[in-house]
Amino acid sequence: MDEKAAVRALGALAQDVRLRIYRAVVGVGPTGMTPGAIASELAVPPSTVSFHVKELLHAGLLTQERDGRHLIYRPSIDTMNELLAYLSAHCCRAVRCDAAPVASDTVCTTC
């Protein structure tokens, strides 16, 4: 992931409703969520979901697929893991350190 992509992803997540949407979709994994399910779970209007999902799609954090009449939003696990790797790539460059092991619940390897 390059710097521009990281800034775009972090910018998309730097808003409370978008962060909540992202966490909800990541929480269900590859099955994804419809806009209606997201709106219901977060108790926000569907128009709010639509507005914020566009930014998450633009940042590459979510994918969109049409299933008949419904849209399904899924997390882009690759992008999430690339962002985590980008953020931690330069950990302790100035001094020697033994990086703490990554908690198994912080990097998705099952999706």
PDB file of N, CA and C in Angstrom:
ATOM      1  N   MET A   1       0.855  -1.175   0.000  1.00  0.00           N
ATOM      2  CA  MET A   1       0.000   0.000   0.000  1.00  0.00           C
ATOM      3  C   MET A   1       0.893   1.227   0.000  1.00  0.00           C
ATOM      4  N   ASP A   2       0.559   2.178  -0.845  1.00  0.00           N
ATOM      5  CA  ASP A   2       1.335   3.410  -0.864  1.00  0.00           C
ATOM      6  C   ASP A   2       0.709   4.447   0.072  1.00  0.00           C
ATOM      7  N   GLU A   3       1.420   5.545   0.226  1.00  0.00           N
ATOM      8  CA  GLU A   3       0.989   6.578   1.169  1.00  0.00           C
ATOM      9  C   GLU A   3      -0.380   7.155   0.818  1.00  0.00           C
ATOM     10  N   LYS A   4      -0.618   7.400  -0.466  1.00  0.00           N
ATOM     11  CA  LYS A   4      -1.914   7.967  -0.873  1.00  0.00           C
ATOM     12  C   LYS A   4      -3.067   7.039  -0.515  1.00  0.00           C
ATOM     13  N   ALA A   5      -2.885   5.754  -0.751  1.00  0.00           N
ATOM     14  CA  ALA A   5      -3.938   4.786  -0.430  1.00  0.00           C
ATOM     15  C   ALA A   5      -4.160   4.710   1.076  1.00  0.00           C
ATOM     16  N   ALA A   6      -3.082   4.781   1.847  1.00  0.00           N
ATOM     17  CA  ALA A   6      -3.212   4.750   3.307  1.00  0.00           C
ATOM     18  C   ALA A   6      -3.959   5.979   3.811  1.00  0.00           C
ATOM     19  N   VAL A   7      -3.630   7.142   3.275  1.00  0.00           N
ATOM     20  CA  VAL A   7      -4.313   8.376   3.679  1.00  0.00           C
ATOM     21  C   VAL A   7      -5.789   8.306   3.306  1.00  0.00           C
ATOM     22  N   ARG A   8      -6.083   7.783   2.131  1.00  0.00           N
ATOM     23  CA  ARG A   8      -7.477   7.657   1.697  1.00  0.00           C
ATOM     24  C   ARG A   8      -8.250   6.717   2.632  1.00  0.00           C
ATOM     25  N   ALA A   9      -7.648   5.585   2.990  1.00  0.00           N
ATOM     26  CA  ALA A   9      -8.311   4.629   3.880  1.00  0.00           C
ATOM     27  C   ALA A   9      -8.493   5.210   5.276  1.00  0.00           C
ATOM     28  N   LEU A  10      -7.448   5.828   5.799  1.00  0.00           N
ATOM     29  CA  LEU A  10      -7.553   6.412   7.137  1.00  0.00           C
ATOM     30  C   LEU A  10      -8.554   7.560   7.157  1.00  0.00           C
ATOM     31  N   GLY A  11      -8.575   8.349   6.092  1.00  0.00           N
ATOM     32  CA  GLY A  11      -9.546   9.438   6.004  1.00  0.00           C
ATOM     33  C   GLY A  11     -10.973   8.918   5.989  1.00  0.00           C
ATOM     34  N   ALA A  12     -11.185   7.817   5.278  1.00  0.00           N
ATOM     35  CA  ALA A  12     -12.526   7.236   5.228  1.00  0.00           C
ATOM     36  C   ALA A  12     -12.957   6.733   6.599  1.00  0.00           C
ATOM     37  N   LEU A  13     -12.027   6.220   7.353  1.00  0.00           N
ATOM     38  CA  LEU A  13     -12.353   5.682   8.680  1.00  0.00           C
ATOM     39  C   LEU A  13     -12.402   6.752   9.764  1.00  0.00           C
ATOM     40  N   ALA A  14     -11.988   7.963   9.430  1.00  0.00           N
ATOM     41  CA  ALA A  14     -11.908   9.045  10.425  1.00  0.00           C
ATOM     42  C   ALA A  14     -13.239   9.785  10.564  1.00  0.00           C
ATOM     43  N   GLN A  15     -14.311   9.045  10.524  1.00  0.00           N
ATOM     44  CA  GLN A  15     -15.650   9.602  10.698  1.00  0.00           C
ATOM     45  C   GLN A  15     -16.463   8.540  11.423  1.00  0.00           C
ATOM     46  N   ASP A  16     -17.183   8.928  12.459  1.00  0.00           N
ATOM     47  CA  ASP A  16     -17.794   7.934  13.340  1.00  0.00           C
ATOM     48  C   ASP A  16     -18.783   6.998  12.651  1.00  0.00           C
ATOM     49  N   VAL A  17     -19.641   7.492  11.796  1.00  0.00           N
ATOM     50  CA  VAL A  17     -20.609   6.610  11.137  1.00  0.00           C
ATOM     51  C   VAL A  17     -19.899   5.661  10.180  1.00  0.00           C
ATOM     52  N   ARG A  18     -18.926   6.168   9.422  1.00  0.00           N
ATOM     53  CA  ARG A  18     -18.189   5.288   8.505  1.00  0.00           C
ATOM     54  C   ARG A  18     -17.423   4.222   9.268  1.00  0.00           C
ATOM     55  N   LEU A  19     -16.832   4.581  10.380  1.00  0.00           N
ATOM     56  CA  LEU A  19     -16.119   3.585  11.181  1.00  0.00           C
ATOM     57  C   LEU A  19     -17.087   2.523  11.692  1.00  0.00           C
ATOM     58  N   ARG A  20     -18.259   2.930  12.128  1.00  0.00           N
ATOM     59  CA  ARG A  20     -19.259   1.971  12.608  1.00  0.00           C
ATOM     60  C   ARG A  20     -19.735   1.063  11.475  1.00  0.00           C
ATOM     61  N   ILE A  21     -19.951   1.634  10.296  1.00  0.00           N
ATOM     62  CA  ILE A  21     -20.348   0.824   9.138  1.00  0.00           C
ATOM     63  C   ILE A  21     -19.258  -0.187   8.816  1.00  0.00           C
ATOM     64  N   TYR A  22     -18.024   0.280   8.763  1.00  0.00           N
ATOM     65  CA  TYR A  22     -16.908  -0.609   8.428  1.00  0.00           C
ATOM     66  C   TYR A  22     -16.791  -1.747   9.433  1.00  0.00           C
ATOM     67  N   ARG A  23     -16.875  -1.418  10.701  1.00  0.00           N
ATOM     68  CA  ARG A  23     -16.768  -2.458  11.735  1.00  0.00           C
ATOM     69  C   ARG A  23     -17.914  -3.453  11.651  1.00  0.00           C
ATOM     70  N   ALA A  24     -19.106  -2.980  11.331  1.00  0.00           N
ATOM     71  CA  ALA A  24     -20.252  -3.885  11.196  1.00  0.00           C
ATOM     72  C   ALA A  24     -20.044  -4.854  10.035  1.00  0.00           C
ATOM     73  N   VAL A  25     -19.593  -4.334   8.899  1.00  0.00           N
ATOM     74  CA  VAL A  25     -19.396  -5.181   7.720  1.00  0.00           C
ATOM     75  C   VAL A  25     -18.234  -6.148   7.944  1.00  0.00           C
ATOM     76  N   VAL A  26     -17.157  -5.677   8.529  1.00  0.00           N
ATOM     77  CA  VAL A  26     -16.028  -6.567   8.841  1.00  0.00           C
ATOM     78  C   VAL A  26     -16.476  -7.650   9.817  1.00  0.00           C
ATOM     79  N   GLY A  27     -17.359  -7.283  10.721  1.00  0.00           N
ATOM     80  CA  GLY A  27     -17.829  -8.232  11.728  1.00  0.00           C
ATOM     81  C   GLY A  27     -18.559  -9.432  11.155  1.00  0.00           C
ATOM     82  N   VAL A  28     -19.243  -9.259  10.028  1.00  0.00           N
ATOM     83  CA  VAL A  28     -19.944 -10.399   9.431  1.00  0.00           C
ATOM     84  C   VAL A  28     -19.076 -11.137   8.422  1.00  0.00           C
ATOM     85  N   GLY A  29     -17.942 -10.553   8.063  1.00  0.00           N
ATOM     86  CA  GLY A  29     -17.003 -11.230   7.179  1.00  0.00           C
ATOM     87  C   GLY A  29     -17.472 -11.327   5.745  1.00  0.00           C
ATOM     88  N   PRO A  30     -17.094 -12.399   5.052  1.00  0.00           N
ATOM     89  CA  PRO A  30     -17.322 -12.495   3.610  1.00  0.00           C
ATOM     90  C   PRO A  30     -18.788 -12.616   3.201  1.00  0.00           C
ATOM     91  N   THR A  31     -19.684 -12.903   4.122  1.00  0.00           N
ATOM     92  CA  THR A  31     -21.100 -12.956   3.746  1.00  0.00           C
ATOM     93  C   THR A  31     -21.626 -11.574   3.412  1.00  0.00           C
ATOM     94  N   GLY A  32     -21.050 -10.549   4.002  1.00  0.00           N
ATOM     95  CA  GLY A  32     -21.423  -9.176   3.701  1.00  0.00           C
ATOM     96  C   GLY A  32     -22.759  -8.766   4.286  1.00  0.00           C
ATOM     97  N   MET A  33     -23.139  -7.533   3.993  1.00  0.00           N
ATOM     98  CA  MET A  33     -24.387  -6.968   4.510  1.00  0.00           C
ATOM     99  C   MET A  33     -25.052  -6.126   3.430  1.00  0.00           C
ATOM    100  N   THR A  34     -26.368  -6.117   3.464  1.00  0.00           N
ATOM    101  CA  THR A  34     -27.122  -5.222   2.592  1.00  0.00           C
ATOM    102  C   THR A  34     -27.166  -3.847   3.246  1.00  0.00           C
ATOM    103  N   PRO A  35     -27.435  -2.809   2.461  1.00  0.00           N
ATOM    104  CA  PRO A  35     -27.568  -1.479   3.061  1.00  0.00           C
ATOM    105  C   PRO A  35     -28.654  -1.436   4.135  1.00  0.00           C
ATOM    106  N   GLY A  36     -29.753  -2.151   3.904  1.00  0.00           N
ATOM    107  CA  GLY A  36     -30.829  -2.180   4.889  1.00  0.00           C
ATOM    108  C   GLY A  36     -30.401  -2.812   6.196  1.00  0.00           C
ATOM    109  N   ALA A  37     -29.610  -3.883   6.107  1.00  0.00           N
ATOM    110  CA  ALA A  37     -29.121  -4.543   7.321  1.00  0.00           C
ATOM    111  C   ALA A  37     -28.167  -3.631   8.086  1.00  0.00           C
ATOM    112  N   ILE A  38     -27.334  -2.915   7.352  1.00  0.00           N
ATOM    113  CA  ILE A  38     -26.415  -1.972   8.000  1.00  0.00           C
ATOM    114  C   ILE A  38     -27.211  -0.875   8.696  1.00  0.00           C
ATOM    115  N   ALA A  39     -28.181  -0.308   7.985  1.00  0.00           N
ATOM    116  CA  ALA A  39     -29.001   0.768   8.554  1.00  0.00           C
ATOM    117  C   ALA A  39     -29.724   0.292   9.800  1.00  0.00           C
ATOM    118  N   SER A  40     -30.252  -0.916   9.753  1.00  0.00           N
ATOM    119  CA  SER A  40     -30.977  -1.466  10.896  1.00  0.00           C
ATOM    120  C   SER A  40     -30.053  -1.693  12.088  1.00  0.00           C
ATOM    121  N   GLU A  41     -28.904  -2.303  11.825  1.00  0.00           N
ATOM    122  CA  GLU A  41     -27.968  -2.597  12.920  1.00  0.00           C
ATOM    123  C   GLU A  41     -27.451  -1.329  13.589  1.00  0.00           C
ATOM    124  N   LEU A  42     -27.194  -0.299  12.799  1.00  0.00           N
ATOM    125  CA  LEU A  42     -26.610   0.927  13.344  1.00  0.00           C
ATOM    126  C   LEU A  42     -27.652   1.982  13.702  1.00  0.00           C
ATOM    127  N   ALA A  43     -28.911   1.697  13.400  1.00  0.00           N
ATOM    128  CA  ALA A  43     -30.007   2.634  13.681  1.00  0.00           C
ATOM    129  C   ALA A  43     -29.765   3.997  13.027  1.00  0.00           C
ATOM    130  N   VAL A  44     -29.427   3.944  11.740  1.00  0.00           N
ATOM    131  CA  VAL A  44     -29.247   5.167  10.950  1.00  0.00           C
ATOM    132  C   VAL A  44     -30.113   5.049   9.699  1.00  0.00           C
ATOM    133  N   PRO A  45     -30.505   6.160   9.109  1.00  0.00           N
ATOM    134  CA  PRO A  45     -31.316   6.107   7.888  1.00  0.00           C
ATOM    135  C   PRO A  45     -30.547   5.473   6.723  1.00  0.00           C
ATOM    136  N   PRO A  46     -31.257   4.773   5.831  1.00  0.00           N
ATOM    137  CA  PRO A  46     -30.597   4.178   4.660  1.00  0.00           C
ATOM    138  C   PRO A  46     -29.829   5.196   3.819  1.00  0.00           C
ATOM    139  N   SER A  47     -30.329   6.415   3.728  1.00  0.00           N
ATOM    140  CA  SER A  47     -29.619   7.436   2.947  1.00  0.00           C
ATOM    141  C   SER A  47     -28.262   7.759   3.570  1.00  0.00           C
ATOM    142  N   THR A  48     -28.183   7.684   4.887  1.00  0.00           N
ATOM    143  CA  THR A  48     -26.909   7.910   5.582  1.00  0.00           C
ATOM    144  C   THR A  48     -25.927   6.799   5.244  1.00  0.00           C
ATOM    145  N   VAL A  49     -26.422   5.561   5.243  1.00  0.00           N
ATOM    146  CA  VAL A  49     -25.572   4.419   4.882  1.00  0.00           C
ATOM    147  C   VAL A  49     -25.045   4.602   3.462  1.00  0.00           C
ATOM    148  N   SER A  50     -25.922   4.920   2.543  1.00  0.00           N
ATOM    149  CA  SER A  50     -25.530   5.102   1.145  1.00  0.00           C
ATOM    150  C   SER A  50     -24.449   6.165   1.002  1.00  0.00           C
ATOM    151  N   PHE A  51     -24.639   7.288   1.663  1.00  0.00           N
ATOM    152  CA  PHE A  51     -23.674   8.385   1.598  1.00  0.00           C
ATOM    153  C   PHE A  51     -22.295   7.946   2.086  1.00  0.00           C
ATOM    154  N   HIS A  52     -22.244   7.274   3.226  1.00  0.00           N
ATOM    155  CA  HIS A  52     -20.958   6.920   3.827  1.00  0.00           C
ATOM    156  C   HIS A  52     -20.301   5.705   3.169  1.00  0.00           C
ATOM    157  N   VAL A  53     -21.107   4.778   2.669  1.00  0.00           N
ATOM    158  CA  VAL A  53     -20.542   3.606   2.003  1.00  0.00           C
ATOM    159  C   VAL A  53     -19.748   4.017   0.764  1.00  0.00           C
ATOM    160  N   LYS A  54     -20.192   5.053   0.083  1.00  0.00           N
ATOM    161  CA  LYS A  54     -19.471   5.523  -1.109  1.00  0.00           C
ATOM    162  C   LYS A  54     -18.017   5.856  -0.784  1.00  0.00           C
ATOM    163  N   GLU A  55     -17.789   6.479   0.348  1.00  0.00           N
ATOM    164  CA  GLU A  55     -16.422   6.831   0.742  1.00  0.00           C
ATOM    165  C   GLU A  55     -15.608   5.580   1.072  1.00  0.00           C
ATOM    166  N   LEU A  56     -16.231   4.611   1.723  1.00  0.00           N
ATOM    167  CA  LEU A  56     -15.533   3.363   2.051  1.00  0.00           C
ATOM    168  C   LEU A  56     -15.218   2.564   0.785  1.00  0.00           C
ATOM    169  N   LEU A  57     -16.115   2.599  -0.188  1.00  0.00           N
ATOM    170  CA  LEU A  57     -15.848   1.949  -1.476  1.00  0.00           C
ATOM    171  C   LEU A  57     -14.702   2.642  -2.197  1.00  0.00           C
ATOM    172  N   HIS A  58     -14.727   3.969  -2.221  1.00  0.00           N
ATOM    173  CA  HIS A  58     -13.673   4.747  -2.883  1.00  0.00           C
ATOM    174  C   HIS A  58     -12.301   4.468  -2.261  1.00  0.00           C
ATOM    175  N   ALA A  59     -12.274   4.261  -0.961  1.00  0.00           N
ATOM    176  CA  ALA A  59     -11.016   3.979  -0.268  1.00  0.00           C
ATOM    177  C   ALA A  59     -10.579   2.526  -0.432  1.00  0.00           C
ATOM    178  N   GLY A  60     -11.419   1.703  -1.040  1.00  0.00           N
ATOM    179  CA  GLY A  60     -11.069   0.299  -1.238  1.00  0.00           C
ATOM    180  C   GLY A  60     -11.275  -0.562  -0.014  1.00  0.00           C
ATOM    181  N   LEU A  61     -11.941  -0.033   1.000  1.00  0.00           N
ATOM    182  CA  LEU A  61     -12.149  -0.788   2.234  1.00  0.00           C
ATOM    183  C   LEU A  61     -13.330  -1.751   2.149  1.00  0.00           C
ATOM    184  N   LEU A  62     -14.274  -1.462   1.264  1.00  0.00           N
ATOM    185  CA  LEU A  62     -15.423  -2.336   1.035  1.00  0.00           C
ATOM    186  C   LEU A  62     -15.513  -2.660  -0.447  1.00  0.00           C
ATOM    187  N   THR A  63     -16.159  -3.775  -0.742  1.00  0.00           N
ATOM    188  CA  THR A  63     -16.511  -4.104  -2.113  1.00  0.00           C
ATOM    189  C   THR A  63     -18.029  -4.157  -2.202  1.00  0.00           C
ATOM    190  N   GLN A  64     -18.531  -4.022  -3.406  1.00  0.00           N
ATOM    191  CA  GLN A  64     -19.973  -4.029  -3.631  1.00  0.00           C
ATOM    192  C   GLN A  64     -20.301  -5.063  -4.692  1.00  0.00           C
ATOM    193  N   GLU A  65     -21.339  -5.836  -4.440  1.00  0.00           N
ATOM    194  CA  GLU A  65     -21.777  -6.836  -5.411  1.00  0.00           C
ATOM    195  C   GLU A  65     -23.299  -6.802  -5.472  1.00  0.00           C
ATOM    196  N   ARG A  66     -23.824  -6.933  -6.665  1.00  0.00           N
ATOM    197  CA  ARG A  66     -25.277  -6.977  -6.822  1.00  0.00           C
ATOM    198  C   ARG A  66     -25.722  -8.435  -6.762  1.00  0.00           C
ATOM    199  N   ASP A  67     -26.740  -8.691  -5.941  1.00  0.00           N
ATOM    200  CA  ASP A  67     -27.339 -10.017  -5.818  1.00  0.00           C
ATOM    201  C   ASP A  67     -28.828  -9.851  -6.101  1.00  0.00           C
ATOM    202  N   GLY A  68     -29.197 -10.007  -7.363  1.00  0.00           N
ATOM    203  CA  GLY A  68     -30.583  -9.742  -7.746  1.00  0.00           C
ATOM    204  C   GLY A  68     -30.880  -8.261  -7.612  1.00  0.00           C
ATOM    205  N   ARG A  69     -31.853  -7.935  -6.782  1.00  0.00           N
ATOM    206  CA  ARG A  69     -32.213  -6.531  -6.562  1.00  0.00           C
ATOM    207  C   ARG A  69     -31.424  -5.904  -5.422  1.00  0.00           C
ATOM    208  N   HIS A  70     -30.619  -6.693  -4.746  1.00  0.00           N
ATOM    209  CA  HIS A  70     -29.930  -6.208  -3.551  1.00  0.00           C
ATOM    210  C   HIS A  70     -28.450  -5.956  -3.810  1.00  0.00           C
ATOM    211  N   LEU A  71     -27.927  -4.974  -3.103  1.00  0.00           N
ATOM    212  CA  LEU A  71     -26.485  -4.750  -3.069  1.00  0.00           C
ATOM    213  C   LEU A  71     -25.949  -5.413  -1.812  1.00  0.00           C
ATOM    214  N   ILE A  72     -24.800  -6.029  -1.939  1.00  0.00           N
ATOM    215  CA  ILE A  72     -24.130  -6.640  -0.797  1.00  0.00           C
ATOM    216  C   ILE A  72     -22.777  -5.958  -0.652  1.00  0.00           C
ATOM    217  N   TYR A  73     -22.509  -5.457   0.535  1.00  0.00           N
ATOM    218  CA  TYR A  73     -21.211  -4.852   0.835  1.00  0.00           C
ATOM    219  C   TYR A  73     -20.396  -5.838   1.647  1.00  0.00           C
ATOM    220  N   ARG A  74     -19.160  -6.031   1.211  1.00  0.00           N
ATOM    221  CA  ARG A  74     -18.248  -6.949   1.897  1.00  0.00           C
ATOM    222  C   ARG A  74     -16.951  -6.216   2.221  1.00  0.00           C
ATOM    223  N   PRO A  75     -16.280  -6.668   3.275  1.00  0.00           N
ATOM    224  CA  PRO A  75     -14.997  -6.031   3.592  1.00  0.00           C
ATOM    225  C   PRO A  75     -13.923  -6.471   2.606  1.00  0.00           C
ATOM    226  N   SER A  76     -13.046  -5.555   2.273  1.00  0.00           N
ATOM    227  CA  SER A  76     -11.871  -5.901   1.485  1.00  0.00           C
ATOM    228  C   SER A  76     -10.774  -6.246   2.491  1.00  0.00           C
ATOM    229  N   ILE A  77     -10.692  -7.514   2.809  1.00  0.00           N
ATOM    230  CA  ILE A  77      -9.746  -7.973   3.834  1.00  0.00           C
ATOM    231  C   ILE A  77      -8.313  -7.690   3.404  1.00  0.00           C
ATOM    232  N   ASP A  78      -8.026  -7.832   2.121  1.00  0.00           N
ATOM    233  CA  ASP A  78      -6.672  -7.536   1.638  1.00  0.00           C
ATOM    234  C   ASP A  78      -6.292  -6.087   1.926  1.00  0.00           C
ATOM    235  N   THR A  79      -7.209  -5.155   1.659  1.00  0.00           N
ATOM    236  CA  THR A  79      -6.922  -3.744   1.916  1.00  0.00           C
ATOM    237  C   THR A  79      -6.727  -3.498   3.402  1.00  0.00           C
ATOM    238  N   MET A  80      -7.569  -4.120   4.232  1.00  0.00           N
ATOM    239  CA  MET A  80      -7.430  -3.956   5.676  1.00  0.00           C
ATOM    240  C   MET A  80      -6.053  -4.441   6.143  1.00  0.00           C
ATOM    241  N   ASN A  81      -5.654  -5.608   5.686  1.00  0.00           N
ATOM    242  CA  ASN A  81      -4.356  -6.144   6.093  1.00  0.00           C
ATOM    243  C   ASN A  81      -3.199  -5.314   5.536  1.00  0.00           C
ATOM    244  N   GLU A  82      -3.348  -4.781   4.316  1.00  0.00           N
ATOM    245  CA  GLU A  82      -2.314  -3.903   3.752  1.00  0.00           C
ATOM    246  C   GLU A  82      -2.178  -2.626   4.572  1.00  0.00           C
ATOM    247  N   LEU A  83      -3.305  -2.079   5.027  1.00  0.00           N
ATOM    248  CA  LEU A  83      -3.264  -0.876   5.853  1.00  0.00           C
ATOM    249  C   LEU A  83      -2.576  -1.162   7.183  1.00  0.00           C
ATOM    250  N   LEU A  84      -2.906  -2.278   7.802  1.00  0.00           N
ATOM    251  CA  LEU A  84      -2.248  -2.641   9.060  1.00  0.00           C
ATOM    252  C   LEU A  84      -0.743  -2.824   8.851  1.00  0.00           C
ATOM    253  N   ALA A  85      -0.366  -3.462   7.754  1.00  0.00           N
ATOM    254  CA  ALA A  85       1.057  -3.655   7.460  1.00  0.00           C
ATOM    255  C   ALA A  85       1.744  -2.320   7.208  1.00  0.00           C
ATOM    256  N   TYR A  86       1.081  -1.427   6.475  1.00  0.00           N
ATOM    257  CA  TYR A  86       1.654  -0.108   6.196  1.00  0.00           C
ATOM    258  C   TYR A  86       1.890   0.660   7.489  1.00  0.00           C
ATOM    259  N   LEU A  87       0.915   0.626   8.386  1.00  0.00           N
ATOM    260  CA  LEU A  87       1.030   1.375   9.638  1.00  0.00           C
ATOM    261  C   LEU A  87       2.124   0.837  10.548  1.00  0.00           C
ATOM    262  N   SER A  88       2.392  -0.443  10.464  1.00  0.00           N
ATOM    263  CA  SER A  88       3.388  -1.023  11.364  1.00  0.00           C
ATOM    264  C   SER A  88       4.735  -1.294  10.692  1.00  0.00           C
ATOM    265  N   ALA A  89       4.886  -0.957   9.426  1.00  0.00           N
ATOM    266  CA  ALA A  89       6.100  -1.281   8.673  1.00  0.00           C
ATOM    267  C   ALA A  89       7.360  -0.639   9.238  1.00  0.00           C
ATOM    268  N   HIS A  90       7.234   0.528   9.821  1.00  0.00           N
ATOM    269  CA  HIS A  90       8.420   1.239  10.292  1.00  0.00           C
ATOM    270  C   HIS A  90       8.516   1.269  11.808  1.00  0.00           C
ATOM    271  N   CYS A  91       7.919   0.305  12.440  1.00  0.00           N
ATOM    272  CA  CYS A  91       7.939   0.233  13.897  1.00  0.00           C
ATOM    273  C   CYS A  91       9.380   0.128  14.401  1.00  0.00           C
ATOM    274  N   CYS A  92       9.744   1.005  15.271  1.00  0.00           N
ATOM    275  CA  CYS A  92      11.040   0.960  15.967  1.00  0.00           C
ATOM    276  C   CYS A  92      12.236   1.023  15.018  1.00  0.00           C
ATOM    277  N   ARG A  93      12.163   1.805  13.973  1.00  0.00           N
ATOM    278  CA  ARG A  93      13.285   1.891  13.036  1.00  0.00           C
ATOM    279  C   ARG A  93      14.520   2.503  13.678  1.00  0.00           C
ATOM    280  N   ALA A  94      14.326   3.425  14.603  1.00  0.00           N
ATOM    281  CA  ALA A  94      15.454   4.143  15.183  1.00  0.00           C
ATOM    282  C   ALA A  94      16.159   3.350  16.275  1.00  0.00           C
ATOM    283  N   VAL A  95      15.459   2.453  16.896  1.00  0.00           N
ATOM    284  CA  VAL A  95      16.046   1.658  17.975  1.00  0.00           C
ATOM    285  C   VAL A  95      15.650   0.203  17.794  1.00  0.00           C
ATOM    286  N   ARG A  96      16.476  -0.656  18.353  1.00  0.00           N
ATOM    287  CA  ARG A  96      16.151  -2.070  18.275  1.00  0.00           C
ATOM    288  C   ARG A  96      15.026  -2.359  19.253  1.00  0.00           C
ATOM    289  N   CYS A  97      14.071  -3.095  18.781  1.00  0.00           N
ATOM    290  CA  CYS A  97      13.007  -3.528  19.683  1.00  0.00           C
ATOM    291  C   CYS A  97      12.515  -4.886  19.232  1.00  0.00           C
ATOM    292  N   ASP A  98      11.969  -5.582  20.153  1.00  0.00           N
ATOM    293  CA  ASP A  98      11.334  -6.850  19.833  1.00  0.00           C
ATOM    294  C   ASP A  98       9.845  -6.572  19.748  1.00  0.00           C
ATOM    295  N   ALA A  99       9.367  -6.520  18.527  1.00  0.00           N
ATOM    296  CA  ALA A  99       7.954  -6.200  18.334  1.00  0.00           C
ATOM    297  C   ALA A  99       7.087  -7.235  19.025  1.00  0.00           C
ATOM    298  N   ALA A 100       6.051  -6.741  19.643  1.00  0.00           N
ATOM    299  CA  ALA A 100       5.101  -7.646  20.282  1.00  0.00           C
ATOM    300  C   ALA A 100       4.432  -8.482  19.202  1.00  0.00           C
ATOM    301  N   PRO A 101       4.155  -9.731  19.507  1.00  0.00           N
ATOM    302  CA  PRO A 101       3.477 -10.547  18.505  1.00  0.00           C
ATOM    303  C   PRO A 101       2.104  -9.962  18.194  1.00  0.00           C
ATOM    304  N   VAL A 102       1.723 -10.078  16.948  1.00  0.00           N
ATOM    305  CA  VAL A 102       0.416  -9.572  16.535  1.00  0.00           C
ATOM    306  C   VAL A 102      -0.654 -10.473  17.131  1.00  0.00           C
ATOM    307  N   ALA A 103      -1.601  -9.864  17.805  1.00  0.00           N
ATOM    308  CA  ALA A 103      -2.698 -10.643  18.365  1.00  0.00           C
ATOM    309  C   ALA A 103      -3.452 -11.314  17.229  1.00  0.00           C
ATOM    310  N   SER A 104      -3.837 -12.542  17.431  1.00  0.00           N
ATOM    311  CA  SER A 104      -4.487 -13.287  16.359  1.00  0.00           C
ATOM    312  C   SER A 104      -5.793 -12.656  15.914  1.00  0.00           C
ATOM    313  N   ASP A 105      -6.386 -11.828  16.755  1.00  0.00           N
ATOM    314  CA  ASP A 105      -7.652 -11.216  16.363  1.00  0.00           C
ATOM    315  C   ASP A 105      -7.470  -9.852  15.704  1.00  0.00           C
ATOM    316  N   THR A 106      -6.225  -9.454  15.384  1.00  0.00           N
ATOM    317  CA  THR A 106      -6.021  -8.162  14.737  1.00  0.00           C
ATOM    318  C   THR A 106      -5.755  -8.278  13.246  1.00  0.00           C
ATOM    319  N   VAL A 107      -5.408  -9.448  12.775  1.00  0.00           N
ATOM    320  CA  VAL A 107      -5.186  -9.650  11.351  1.00  0.00           C
ATOM    321  C   VAL A 107      -6.084 -10.796  10.915  1.00  0.00           C
ATOM    322  N   CYS A 108      -6.857 -10.552   9.882  1.00  0.00           N
ATOM    323  CA  CYS A 108      -7.791 -11.570   9.416  1.00  0.00           C
ATOM    324  C   CYS A 108      -7.084 -12.519   8.464  1.00  0.00           C
ATOM    325  N   THR A 109      -7.086 -13.772   8.798  1.00  0.00           N
ATOM    326  CA  THR A 109      -6.474 -14.768   7.921  1.00  0.00           C
ATOM    327  C   THR A 109      -7.492 -15.787   7.442  1.00  0.00           C
ATOM    328  N   THR A 110      -8.736 -15.661   7.870  1.00  0.00           N
ATOM    329  CA  THR A 110      -9.738 -16.662   7.515  1.00  0.00           C
ATOM    330  C   THR A 110     -10.653 -16.233   6.388  1.00  0.00           C
ATOM    331  N   CYS A 111     -10.589 -14.966   5.976  1.00  0.00           N
ATOM    332  CA  CYS A 111     -11.516 -14.490   4.928  1.00  0.00           C
ATOM    333  C   CYS A 111     -10.872 -14.593   3.565  1.00  0.00           C
TER     334      CYS A 111
END
